Amino acid sequence: MLSAMRELVDKSTGYDVRLFFYAGHGAQIVGKNYLMPLDTALDDERDVQRTAVNLNEFMDLLGQAKQGVNIIVLDACRDNPFGATQSLSANGRRMKFRGIKLPGLATVDAPVGSFVAFAAAPGQAADDGAAANYGVFTKNILEHISTPDVTLEQLFKRVRSGVRKDTDGKQIPWDSSSLTGDFCFSPTARGCGGGALR
């Protein structure tokens, strides 16, 4: 997973748009966010720091690109179903955290030219979509992503509203942005300007 993320950064340096979407288990430890590969074997918090992917470091790498926009979408704020000392790893195995709770992901500052979308507010857990193939956050993204001429900020306001409604206000998506122009996933000739920032 880390190799694939590094390859994305290396190959996309000159791209106009870089999109990273992650759906899975994320953990916050000492204010840093970690994304867990499916085959990660975890026994305690030291294993997370050693074998999971440090999101902050990945975003620093993305932020070194001199052109284009980075879009990072994280459907990865899971609750701790076993209380303060245990949680589930991405593959369903139990892992011990010696009293460290997993209150969702920590806030991050988007590097220049970046937009970071979180499934839930800082410290808040997200619905994992147990009854569907994906969570309520991803469901709402899919409902709005192809709407013509909707900017990235407008898209995620609609997502936030939909998730809030679907969860009776228990989950509120969050974002951090340092974009300086408009971006649309589905621009028309009269809309967002070809899909890239301008």
N, C-alpha and C. Protein backbone atom coordinates (compact mmCIF):
# COMPACT_ATOMS: atom_id res chain seq x y z
N MET A 1 0.83 -1.20 0.00
CA MET A 1 0.00 0.00 0.00
C MET A 1 0.87 1.25 0.00
N LEU A 2 1.89 1.27 0.86
CA LEU A 2 2.79 2.42 0.90
C LEU A 2 3.52 2.59 -0.42
N SER A 3 3.94 1.48 -1.02
CA SER A 3 4.62 1.54 -2.32
C SER A 3 3.70 2.12 -3.39
N ALA A 4 2.43 1.70 -3.37
CA ALA A 4 1.47 2.21 -4.35
C ALA A 4 1.24 3.70 -4.17
N MET A 5 1.19 4.15 -2.92
CA MET A 5 0.98 5.58 -2.65
C MET A 5 2.20 6.39 -3.09
N ARG A 6 3.39 5.85 -2.86
CA ARG A 6 4.61 6.54 -3.32
C ARG A 6 4.65 6.58 -4.84
N GLU A 7 4.22 5.49 -5.48
CA GLU A 7 4.20 5.44 -6.94
C GLU A 7 3.24 6.49 -7.49
N LEU A 8 2.09 6.66 -6.84
CA LEU A 8 1.14 7.70 -7.24
C LEU A 8 1.81 9.07 -7.22
N VAL A 9 2.51 9.37 -6.14
CA VAL A 9 3.18 10.66 -6.02
C VAL A 9 4.25 10.82 -7.11
N ASP A 10 5.08 9.79 -7.29
CA ASP A 10 6.18 9.89 -8.26
C ASP A 10 5.69 10.04 -9.69
N LYS A 11 4.64 9.30 -10.06
CA LYS A 11 4.17 9.30 -11.45
C LYS A 11 3.29 10.50 -11.78
N SER A 12 2.73 11.15 -10.77
CA SER A 12 1.72 12.18 -11.04
C SER A 12 2.23 13.60 -10.80
N THR A 13 3.53 13.76 -10.66
CA THR A 13 4.09 15.07 -10.33
C THR A 13 3.62 16.16 -11.29
N GLY A 14 3.58 15.88 -12.57
CA GLY A 14 3.19 16.89 -13.56
C GLY A 14 1.71 16.89 -13.91
N TYR A 15 0.90 16.10 -13.23
CA TYR A 15 -0.53 16.02 -13.55
C TYR A 15 -1.28 17.26 -13.10
N ASP A 16 -2.40 17.53 -13.76
CA ASP A 16 -3.28 18.63 -13.34
C ASP A 16 -4.09 18.25 -12.11
N VAL A 17 -4.44 16.95 -12.01
CA VAL A 17 -5.27 16.48 -10.89
C VAL A 17 -4.73 15.16 -10.37
N ARG A 18 -4.61 15.06 -9.05
CA ARG A 18 -4.25 13.81 -8.39
C ARG A 18 -5.36 13.50 -7.39
N LEU A 19 -5.97 12.31 -7.53
CA LEU A 19 -7.07 11.91 -6.65
C LEU A 19 -6.66 10.67 -5.88
N PHE A 20 -6.79 10.74 -4.55
CA PHE A 20 -6.53 9.59 -3.69
C PHE A 20 -7.79 9.34 -2.88
N PHE A 21 -8.38 8.13 -3.05
CA PHE A 21 -9.60 7.76 -2.32
C PHE A 21 -9.27 6.53 -1.48
N TYR A 22 -9.58 6.62 -0.19
CA TYR A 22 -9.33 5.50 0.71
C TYR A 22 -10.59 5.19 1.50
N ALA A 23 -11.01 3.93 1.45
CA ALA A 23 -12.12 3.46 2.29
C ALA A 23 -11.60 2.26 3.07
N GLY A 24 -11.60 2.37 4.37
CA GLY A 24 -11.07 1.29 5.21
C GLY A 24 -10.92 1.78 6.63
N HIS A 25 -10.06 1.11 7.37
CA HIS A 25 -9.89 1.46 8.78
C HIS A 25 -8.79 2.50 8.93
N GLY A 26 -9.08 3.55 9.66
CA GLY A 26 -8.10 4.57 9.98
C GLY A 26 -8.01 4.73 11.48
N ALA A 27 -6.84 5.07 11.98
CA ALA A 27 -6.64 5.25 13.41
C ALA A 27 -5.87 6.53 13.65
N GLN A 28 -6.19 7.17 14.76
CA GLN A 28 -5.45 8.34 15.20
C GLN A 28 -4.63 7.95 16.43
N ILE A 29 -3.34 8.15 16.35
CA ILE A 29 -2.46 7.87 17.49
C ILE A 29 -1.56 9.07 17.68
N VAL A 30 -1.62 9.65 18.85
CA VAL A 30 -0.83 10.83 19.22
C VAL A 30 -0.96 11.92 18.15
N GLY A 31 -2.19 12.17 17.72
CA GLY A 31 -2.47 13.25 16.79
C GLY A 31 -2.11 12.98 15.34
N LYS A 32 -1.63 11.78 15.03
CA LYS A 32 -1.30 11.43 13.65
C LYS A 32 -2.29 10.39 13.15
N ASN A 33 -2.59 10.46 11.86
CA ASN A 33 -3.55 9.55 11.25
C ASN A 33 -2.82 8.43 10.51
N TYR A 34 -3.33 7.20 10.70
CA TYR A 34 -2.76 6.04 10.04
C TYR A 34 -3.84 5.30 9.27
N LEU A 35 -3.51 4.89 8.03
CA LEU A 35 -4.41 4.10 7.20
C LEU A 35 -3.88 2.68 7.18
N MET A 36 -4.77 1.71 7.40
CA MET A 36 -4.32 0.33 7.60
C MET A 36 -4.57 -0.55 6.39
N PRO A 37 -3.51 -1.14 5.83
CA PRO A 37 -3.67 -2.12 4.75
C PRO A 37 -4.43 -3.34 5.26
N LEU A 38 -5.10 -4.05 4.34
CA LEU A 38 -5.91 -5.21 4.73
C LEU A 38 -5.10 -6.31 5.39
N ASP A 39 -3.85 -6.48 4.99
CA ASP A 39 -3.07 -7.60 5.51
C ASP A 39 -2.17 -7.21 6.69
N THR A 40 -2.43 -6.06 7.31
CA THR A 40 -1.62 -5.62 8.43
C THR A 40 -1.93 -6.47 9.66
N ALA A 41 -0.89 -7.01 10.29
CA ALA A 41 -1.05 -7.76 11.54
C ALA A 41 -0.77 -6.81 12.69
N LEU A 42 -1.77 -6.61 13.55
CA LEU A 42 -1.66 -5.62 14.62
C LEU A 42 -1.93 -6.25 15.97
N ASP A 43 -1.04 -6.02 16.90
CA ASP A 43 -1.25 -6.47 18.28
C ASP A 43 -1.40 -5.30 19.24
N ASP A 44 -0.71 -4.20 19.00
CA ASP A 44 -0.86 -3.01 19.83
C ASP A 44 -0.53 -1.77 19.02
N GLU A 45 -0.58 -0.59 19.67
CA GLU A 45 -0.42 0.66 18.95
C GLU A 45 0.95 0.80 18.28
N ARG A 46 1.97 0.13 18.80
CA ARG A 46 3.29 0.20 18.17
C ARG A 46 3.27 -0.42 16.77
N ASP A 47 2.45 -1.46 16.59
CA ASP A 47 2.34 -2.09 15.28
C ASP A 47 1.69 -1.14 14.27
N VAL A 48 0.74 -0.36 14.72
CA VAL A 48 0.09 0.60 13.82
C VAL A 48 1.13 1.57 13.29
N GLN A 49 1.92 2.16 14.19
CA GLN A 49 2.91 3.14 13.78
C GLN A 49 3.99 2.54 12.89
N ARG A 50 4.26 1.24 13.03
CA ARG A 50 5.31 0.59 12.26
C ARG A 50 4.82 0.06 10.91
N THR A 51 3.58 -0.42 10.84
CA THR A 51 3.14 -1.12 9.62
C THR A 51 2.02 -0.42 8.85
N ALA A 52 1.32 0.50 9.46
CA ALA A 52 0.27 1.22 8.74
C ALA A 52 0.88 2.44 8.04
N VAL A 53 0.10 3.07 7.19
CA VAL A 53 0.58 4.21 6.40
C VAL A 53 0.27 5.50 7.13
N ASN A 54 1.30 6.31 7.36
CA ASN A 54 1.14 7.60 8.01
C ASN A 54 0.57 8.58 6.99
N LEU A 55 -0.69 8.96 7.18
CA LEU A 55 -1.36 9.86 6.24
C LEU A 55 -0.66 11.20 6.15
N ASN A 56 -0.19 11.71 7.27
CA ASN A 56 0.45 13.02 7.27
C ASN A 56 1.69 13.04 6.38
N GLU A 57 2.48 11.96 6.43
CA GLU A 57 3.67 11.88 5.58
C GLU A 57 3.30 11.80 4.11
N PHE A 58 2.25 11.02 3.80
CA PHE A 58 1.79 10.91 2.42
C PHE A 58 1.33 12.26 1.89
N MET A 59 0.60 13.01 2.71
CA MET A 59 0.12 14.32 2.28
C MET A 59 1.28 15.30 2.09
N ASP A 60 2.31 15.18 2.91
CA ASP A 60 3.49 16.03 2.73
C ASP A 60 4.13 15.75 1.37
N LEU A 61 4.18 14.46 0.98
CA LEU A 61 4.73 14.10 -0.34
C LEU A 61 3.88 14.69 -1.46
N LEU A 62 2.56 14.56 -1.35
CA LEU A 62 1.67 15.13 -2.36
C LEU A 62 1.83 16.64 -2.46
N GLY A 63 2.01 17.27 -1.31
CA GLY A 63 2.12 18.73 -1.27
C GLY A 63 3.37 19.27 -1.93
N GLN A 64 4.33 18.40 -2.27
CA GLN A 64 5.55 18.86 -2.91
C GLN A 64 5.37 19.10 -4.41
N ALA A 65 4.26 18.64 -4.97
CA ALA A 65 3.99 18.87 -6.39
C ALA A 65 3.81 20.36 -6.63
N LYS A 66 4.43 20.87 -7.67
CA LYS A 66 4.42 22.31 -7.93
C LYS A 66 3.22 22.76 -8.76
N GLN A 67 2.47 21.83 -9.32
CA GLN A 67 1.32 22.20 -10.14
C GLN A 67 0.17 21.24 -9.89
N GLY A 68 -1.03 21.65 -10.30
CA GLY A 68 -2.20 20.80 -10.19
C GLY A 68 -2.84 20.83 -8.82
N VAL A 69 -3.86 20.00 -8.69
CA VAL A 69 -4.64 19.93 -7.46
C VAL A 69 -4.60 18.51 -6.91
N ASN A 70 -4.54 18.41 -5.59
CA ASN A 70 -4.61 17.13 -4.90
C ASN A 70 -5.97 17.01 -4.24
N ILE A 71 -6.66 15.90 -4.50
CA ILE A 71 -7.95 15.63 -3.86
C ILE A 71 -7.80 14.34 -3.07
N ILE A 72 -7.95 14.44 -1.76
CA ILE A 72 -7.80 13.29 -0.87
C ILE A 72 -9.14 13.04 -0.19
N VAL A 73 -9.72 11.88 -0.40
CA VAL A 73 -11.03 11.54 0.16
C VAL A 73 -10.86 10.34 1.08
N LEU A 74 -11.24 10.51 2.35
CA LEU A 74 -10.99 9.49 3.36
C LEU A 74 -12.29 9.01 4.00
N ASP A 75 -12.74 7.84 3.61
CA ASP A 75 -13.89 7.21 4.25
C ASP A 75 -13.31 6.23 5.27
N ALA A 76 -12.73 6.79 6.34
CA ALA A 76 -11.89 5.97 7.20
C ALA A 76 -11.95 6.33 8.68
N CYS A 77 -13.06 6.78 9.17
CA CYS A 77 -13.16 7.15 10.60
C CYS A 77 -14.05 6.14 11.30
N ARG A 78 -13.47 5.06 11.77
CA ARG A 78 -14.28 3.99 12.34
C ARG A 78 -14.34 4.05 13.87
N ASP A 79 -15.46 3.65 14.40
CA ASP A 79 -15.62 3.59 15.85
C ASP A 79 -14.86 2.38 16.39
N ASN A 80 -14.62 2.37 17.70
CA ASN A 80 -13.94 1.27 18.37
C ASN A 80 -14.99 0.36 18.99
N PRO A 81 -15.31 -0.78 18.37
CA PRO A 81 -16.41 -1.61 18.85
C PRO A 81 -16.11 -2.38 20.12
N PHE A 82 -14.86 -2.41 20.57
CA PHE A 82 -14.51 -3.19 21.75
C PHE A 82 -14.14 -2.32 22.95
N GLY A 83 -14.46 -1.04 22.91
CA GLY A 83 -14.15 -0.18 24.04
C GLY A 83 -12.76 0.39 23.94
N ALA A 84 -12.19 0.79 25.07
CA ALA A 84 -10.96 1.56 25.08
C ALA A 84 -9.72 0.75 24.76
N THR A 85 -9.75 -0.57 24.93
CA THR A 85 -8.51 -1.31 24.81
C THR A 85 -8.41 -2.18 23.57
N GLN A 86 -9.48 -2.37 22.83
CA GLN A 86 -9.40 -3.20 21.64
C GLN A 86 -10.17 -2.57 20.50
N SER A 87 -9.81 -2.93 19.29
CA SER A 87 -10.54 -2.51 18.11
C SER A 87 -10.42 -3.60 17.06
N LEU A 88 -11.01 -3.37 15.91
CA LEU A 88 -10.88 -4.30 14.80
C LEU A 88 -9.87 -3.78 13.81
N SER A 89 -9.01 -4.67 13.32
CA SER A 89 -8.13 -4.29 12.24
C SER A 89 -8.93 -4.33 10.95
N ALA A 90 -8.30 -3.90 9.86
CA ALA A 90 -9.00 -3.83 8.59
C ALA A 90 -9.49 -5.19 8.12
N ASN A 91 -8.81 -6.28 8.53
CA ASN A 91 -9.22 -7.61 8.09
C ASN A 91 -10.09 -8.33 9.12
N GLY A 92 -10.53 -7.61 10.18
CA GLY A 92 -11.44 -8.18 11.15
C GLY A 92 -10.80 -8.77 12.39
N ARG A 93 -9.47 -8.85 12.44
CA ARG A 93 -8.80 -9.37 13.64
C ARG A 93 -8.82 -8.31 14.73
N ARG A 94 -8.79 -8.78 15.99
CA ARG A 94 -8.75 -7.86 17.12
C ARG A 94 -7.32 -7.35 17.32
N MET A 95 -7.24 -6.09 17.74
CA MET A 95 -5.93 -5.54 18.10
C MET A 95 -6.06 -4.79 19.41
N LYS A 96 -4.99 -4.80 20.20
CA LYS A 96 -5.01 -4.18 21.52
C LYS A 96 -4.36 -2.81 21.46
N PHE A 97 -4.94 -1.86 22.19
CA PHE A 97 -4.42 -0.50 22.15
C PHE A 97 -4.08 0.05 23.52
N ARG A 98 -3.96 -0.78 24.53
CA ARG A 98 -3.51 -0.36 25.85
C ARG A 98 -4.16 0.92 26.33
N GLY A 99 -5.48 0.99 26.20
CA GLY A 99 -6.21 2.14 26.74
C GLY A 99 -6.33 3.31 25.80
N ILE A 100 -5.70 3.25 24.62
CA ILE A 100 -5.82 4.36 23.67
C ILE A 100 -7.10 4.18 22.88
N LYS A 101 -7.97 5.17 22.94
CA LYS A 101 -9.21 5.09 22.17
C LYS A 101 -8.95 5.52 20.73
N LEU A 102 -9.84 5.12 19.84
CA LEU A 102 -9.74 5.52 18.44
C LEU A 102 -10.92 6.43 18.11
N PRO A 103 -10.81 7.72 18.40
CA PRO A 103 -11.95 8.61 18.21
C PRO A 103 -12.02 9.19 16.80
N GLY A 104 -11.94 8.37 15.78
CA GLY A 104 -11.93 8.90 14.43
C GLY A 104 -10.54 9.44 14.09
N LEU A 105 -10.47 10.27 13.06
CA LEU A 105 -9.19 10.80 12.61
C LEU A 105 -8.96 12.21 13.15
N ALA A 106 -7.70 12.58 13.23
CA ALA A 106 -7.32 13.93 13.66
C ALA A 106 -7.42 14.88 12.48
N THR A 107 -7.60 16.15 12.77
CA THR A 107 -7.62 17.14 11.70
C THR A 107 -6.24 17.23 11.05
N VAL A 108 -6.24 17.56 9.78
CA VAL A 108 -4.99 17.81 9.06
C VAL A 108 -5.15 19.11 8.29
N ASP A 109 -4.06 19.79 8.09
CA ASP A 109 -4.06 20.98 7.24
C ASP A 109 -3.75 20.54 5.82
N ALA A 110 -4.62 20.92 4.89
CA ALA A 110 -4.41 20.55 3.50
C ALA A 110 -3.18 21.28 2.96
N PRO A 111 -2.25 20.54 2.33
CA PRO A 111 -1.11 21.22 1.70
C PRO A 111 -1.60 22.18 0.62
N VAL A 112 -0.79 23.15 0.25
CA VAL A 112 -1.18 24.12 -0.77
C VAL A 112 -1.64 23.39 -2.03
N GLY A 113 -2.79 23.81 -2.56
CA GLY A 113 -3.34 23.19 -3.76
C GLY A 113 -4.07 21.89 -3.50
N SER A 114 -4.51 21.68 -2.26
CA SER A 114 -5.12 20.40 -1.89
C SER A 114 -6.49 20.58 -1.25
N PHE A 115 -7.29 19.53 -1.39
CA PHE A 115 -8.61 19.44 -0.75
C PHE A 115 -8.67 18.08 -0.08
N VAL A 116 -8.94 18.07 1.21
CA VAL A 116 -9.02 16.81 1.97
C VAL A 116 -10.43 16.67 2.52
N ALA A 117 -11.10 15.58 2.20
CA ALA A 117 -12.46 15.32 2.68
C ALA A 117 -12.46 14.14 3.62
N PHE A 118 -13.08 14.31 4.78
CA PHE A 118 -13.19 13.27 5.79
C PHE A 118 -14.64 12.80 5.89
N ALA A 119 -14.84 11.53 6.17
CA ALA A 119 -16.18 10.98 6.32
C ALA A 119 -16.91 11.55 7.53
N ALA A 120 -16.14 12.02 8.52
CA ALA A 120 -16.75 12.52 9.75
C ALA A 120 -15.88 13.64 10.31
N ALA A 121 -16.46 14.41 11.21
CA ALA A 121 -15.75 15.50 11.86
C ALA A 121 -14.59 14.95 12.68
N PRO A 122 -13.59 15.79 12.99
CA PRO A 122 -12.47 15.33 13.81
C PRO A 122 -12.94 14.68 15.11
N GLY A 123 -12.41 13.50 15.41
CA GLY A 123 -12.77 12.80 16.63
C GLY A 123 -14.11 12.09 16.59
N GLN A 124 -14.77 12.07 15.43
CA GLN A 124 -16.09 11.46 15.30
C GLN A 124 -15.99 10.18 14.47
N ALA A 125 -16.73 9.16 14.86
CA ALA A 125 -16.75 7.91 14.09
C ALA A 125 -17.69 8.03 12.90
N ALA A 126 -17.46 7.19 11.89
CA ALA A 126 -18.28 7.20 10.69
C ALA A 126 -19.03 5.89 10.55
N ASP A 127 -20.19 5.95 9.92
CA ASP A 127 -20.99 4.77 9.62
C ASP A 127 -20.21 3.91 8.64
N ASP A 128 -20.02 2.63 8.96
CA ASP A 128 -19.22 1.78 8.09
C ASP A 128 -20.02 1.06 7.01
N GLY A 129 -21.31 1.38 6.90
CA GLY A 129 -22.10 0.80 5.83
C GLY A 129 -22.29 -0.68 5.95
N ALA A 130 -22.55 -1.17 7.17
CA ALA A 130 -22.68 -2.61 7.41
C ALA A 130 -23.77 -3.24 6.54
N ALA A 131 -24.79 -2.45 6.20
CA ALA A 131 -25.89 -2.99 5.42
C ALA A 131 -25.69 -2.79 3.92
N ALA A 132 -24.57 -2.18 3.53
CA ALA A 132 -24.33 -1.90 2.12
C ALA A 132 -22.87 -2.24 1.78
N ASN A 133 -22.51 -2.01 0.53
CA ASN A 133 -21.14 -2.26 0.11
C ASN A 133 -20.18 -1.15 0.50
N TYR A 134 -20.72 -0.02 0.94
CA TYR A 134 -19.90 1.12 1.31
C TYR A 134 -20.67 1.97 2.31
N GLY A 135 -19.95 2.89 2.96
CA GLY A 135 -20.54 3.72 4.00
C GLY A 135 -21.43 4.82 3.46
N VAL A 136 -22.11 5.49 4.36
CA VAL A 136 -23.04 6.55 3.99
C VAL A 136 -22.31 7.73 3.34
N PHE A 137 -21.06 7.97 3.70
CA PHE A 137 -20.26 9.04 3.11
C PHE A 137 -20.03 8.77 1.62
N THR A 138 -19.54 7.57 1.29
CA THR A 138 -19.30 7.21 -0.10
C THR A 138 -20.60 7.18 -0.88
N LYS A 139 -21.66 6.68 -0.26
CA LYS A 139 -22.98 6.67 -0.92
C LYS A 139 -23.37 8.06 -1.39
N ASN A 140 -23.18 9.05 -0.53
CA ASN A 140 -23.56 10.42 -0.88
C ASN A 140 -22.61 11.04 -1.91
N ILE A 141 -21.34 10.67 -1.88
CA ILE A 141 -20.43 11.15 -2.92
C ILE A 141 -20.89 10.63 -4.28
N LEU A 142 -21.22 9.34 -4.35
CA LEU A 142 -21.65 8.74 -5.61
C LEU A 142 -22.95 9.37 -6.14
N GLU A 143 -23.79 9.82 -5.23
CA GLU A 143 -25.05 10.45 -5.64
C GLU A 143 -24.83 11.82 -6.28
N HIS A 144 -23.73 12.50 -5.95
CA HIS A 144 -23.56 13.89 -6.39
C HIS A 144 -22.36 14.14 -7.29
N ILE A 145 -21.44 13.20 -7.41
CA ILE A 145 -20.18 13.47 -8.09
C ILE A 145 -20.33 13.78 -9.58
N SER A 146 -21.35 13.26 -10.23
CA SER A 146 -21.50 13.50 -11.66
C SER A 146 -22.47 14.64 -11.98
N THR A 147 -22.89 15.38 -10.98
CA THR A 147 -23.75 16.55 -11.23
C THR A 147 -22.94 17.60 -11.98
N PRO A 148 -23.42 18.07 -13.13
CA PRO A 148 -22.65 19.02 -13.94
C PRO A 148 -22.37 20.34 -13.21
N ASP A 149 -21.16 20.85 -13.40
CA ASP A 149 -20.75 22.19 -12.97
C ASP A 149 -20.82 22.44 -11.47
N VAL A 150 -20.78 21.38 -10.68
CA VAL A 150 -20.74 21.52 -9.22
C VAL A 150 -19.28 21.54 -8.80
N THR A 151 -18.87 22.61 -8.14
CA THR A 151 -17.48 22.69 -7.69
C THR A 151 -17.23 21.68 -6.57
N LEU A 152 -15.98 21.43 -6.32
CA LEU A 152 -15.59 20.48 -5.26
C LEU A 152 -16.20 20.88 -3.92
N GLU A 153 -16.14 22.16 -3.60
CA GLU A 153 -16.70 22.63 -2.33
C GLU A 153 -18.21 22.44 -2.29
N GLN A 154 -18.90 22.73 -3.40
CA GLN A 154 -20.35 22.53 -3.45
C GLN A 154 -20.70 21.06 -3.34
N LEU A 155 -19.92 20.21 -4.02
CA LEU A 155 -20.15 18.76 -3.95
C LEU A 155 -20.11 18.28 -2.52
N PHE A 156 -19.09 18.66 -1.77
CA PHE A 156 -18.96 18.15 -0.42
C PHE A 156 -19.90 18.82 0.58
N LYS A 157 -20.44 19.98 0.23
CA LYS A 157 -21.53 20.54 1.04
C LYS A 157 -22.78 19.68 0.86
N ARG A 158 -23.02 19.25 -0.37
CA ARG A 158 -24.18 18.37 -0.62
C ARG A 158 -23.98 17.02 0.07
N VAL A 159 -22.76 16.51 0.02
CA VAL A 159 -22.45 15.25 0.70
C VAL A 159 -22.67 15.41 2.20
N ARG A 160 -22.18 16.50 2.76
CA ARG A 160 -22.33 16.76 4.21
C ARG A 160 -23.80 16.80 4.59
N SER A 161 -24.60 17.49 3.80
CA SER A 161 -26.03 17.58 4.07
C SER A 161 -26.70 16.22 3.99
N GLY A 162 -26.34 15.42 2.97
CA GLY A 162 -26.93 14.10 2.80
C GLY A 162 -26.55 13.15 3.92
N VAL A 163 -25.29 13.17 4.33
CA VAL A 163 -24.84 12.29 5.41
C VAL A 163 -25.50 12.69 6.72
N ARG A 164 -25.59 13.98 6.96
CA ARG A 164 -26.25 14.46 8.19
C ARG A 164 -27.70 13.97 8.24
N LYS A 165 -28.38 14.06 7.11
CA LYS A 165 -29.77 13.61 7.04
C LYS A 165 -29.86 12.09 7.22
N ASP A 166 -29.00 11.35 6.52
CA ASP A 166 -29.04 9.89 6.57
C ASP A 166 -28.70 9.31 7.94
N THR A 167 -27.94 10.07 8.74
CA THR A 167 -27.52 9.57 10.05
C THR A 167 -28.22 10.29 11.20
N ASP A 168 -29.28 11.03 10.88
CA ASP A 168 -30.00 11.81 11.90
C ASP A 168 -29.06 12.71 12.69
N GLY A 169 -28.10 13.31 12.00
CA GLY A 169 -27.19 14.26 12.62
C GLY A 169 -26.05 13.66 13.41
N LYS A 170 -25.91 12.31 13.39
CA LYS A 170 -24.85 11.67 14.18
C LYS A 170 -23.48 11.74 13.50
N GLN A 171 -23.47 11.96 12.21
CA GLN A 171 -22.21 12.03 11.46
C GLN A 171 -22.21 13.25 10.56
N ILE A 172 -21.15 14.04 10.67
CA ILE A 172 -21.02 15.24 9.86
C ILE A 172 -19.67 15.20 9.14
N PRO A 173 -19.65 15.01 7.83
CA PRO A 173 -18.39 15.03 7.10
C PRO A 173 -17.67 16.38 7.26
N TRP A 174 -16.37 16.35 7.07
CA TRP A 174 -15.51 17.50 7.31
C TRP A 174 -14.56 17.64 6.15
N ASP A 175 -14.08 18.84 5.91
CA ASP A 175 -13.04 19.00 4.89
C ASP A 175 -12.07 20.10 5.26
N SER A 176 -10.92 20.04 4.61
CA SER A 176 -9.87 21.04 4.77
C SER A 176 -9.40 21.38 3.36
N SER A 177 -9.30 22.66 3.05
CA SER A 177 -8.97 23.05 1.69
C SER A 177 -7.97 24.20 1.65
N SER A 178 -7.09 24.12 0.66
CA SER A 178 -6.20 25.25 0.37
C SER A 178 -6.23 25.52 -1.14
N LEU A 179 -7.36 25.18 -1.78
CA LEU A 179 -7.51 25.43 -3.22
C LEU A 179 -7.62 26.93 -3.48
N THR A 180 -7.16 27.33 -4.64
CA THR A 180 -7.23 28.74 -5.01
C THR A 180 -8.08 28.97 -6.26
N GLY A 181 -8.71 27.93 -6.77
CA GLY A 181 -9.58 28.03 -7.93
C GLY A 181 -10.68 27.01 -7.86
N ASP A 182 -11.49 26.94 -8.91
CA ASP A 182 -12.61 26.01 -8.94
C ASP A 182 -12.23 24.72 -9.64
N PHE A 183 -12.77 23.62 -9.13
CA PHE A 183 -12.60 22.32 -9.76
C PHE A 183 -13.95 21.63 -9.79
N CYS A 184 -14.29 21.01 -10.94
CA CYS A 184 -15.51 20.21 -11.07
C CYS A 184 -15.14 18.84 -11.62
N PHE A 185 -15.81 17.81 -11.10
CA PHE A 185 -15.62 16.47 -11.68
C PHE A 185 -16.36 16.35 -13.00
N SER A 186 -17.49 17.08 -13.17
CA SER A 186 -18.30 16.97 -14.38
C SER A 186 -18.58 18.37 -14.95
N PRO A 187 -17.56 19.01 -15.52
CA PRO A 187 -17.77 20.36 -16.04
C PRO A 187 -18.45 20.34 -17.41
N THR A 188 -19.17 21.39 -17.71
CA THR A 188 -19.69 21.60 -19.06
C THR A 188 -18.96 22.80 -19.64
N ALA A 189 -19.23 23.10 -20.91
CA ALA A 189 -18.55 24.20 -21.58
C ALA A 189 -18.79 25.53 -20.88
N ARG A 190 -19.94 25.68 -20.25
CA ARG A 190 -20.25 26.96 -19.60
C ARG A 190 -19.97 26.96 -18.11
N GLY A 191 -19.40 25.83 -17.62
CA GLY A 191 -19.27 25.71 -16.18
C GLY A 191 -17.87 25.89 -15.64
N CYS A 192 -17.32 24.84 -15.11
CA CYS A 192 -16.13 24.88 -14.26
C CYS A 192 -14.81 25.04 -14.99
N GLY A 193 -14.81 25.04 -16.30
CA GLY A 193 -13.56 25.29 -17.00
C GLY A 193 -12.72 24.04 -17.27
N GLY A 194 -13.32 23.03 -17.88
CA GLY A 194 -12.53 21.88 -18.32
C GLY A 194 -12.15 20.88 -17.26
N GLY A 195 -12.65 21.04 -16.05
CA GLY A 195 -12.40 20.05 -15.03
C GLY A 195 -11.17 20.31 -14.19
N ALA A 196 -10.30 21.21 -14.60
CA ALA A 196 -9.10 21.50 -13.82
C ALA A 196 -9.21 22.86 -13.17
N LEU A 197 -8.36 23.11 -12.23
CA LEU A 197 -8.34 24.43 -11.59
C LEU A 197 -7.96 25.48 -12.60
N ARG A 198 -8.50 26.67 -12.42
CA ARG A 198 -8.11 27.78 -13.28
C ARG A 198 -7.85 29.00 -12.45
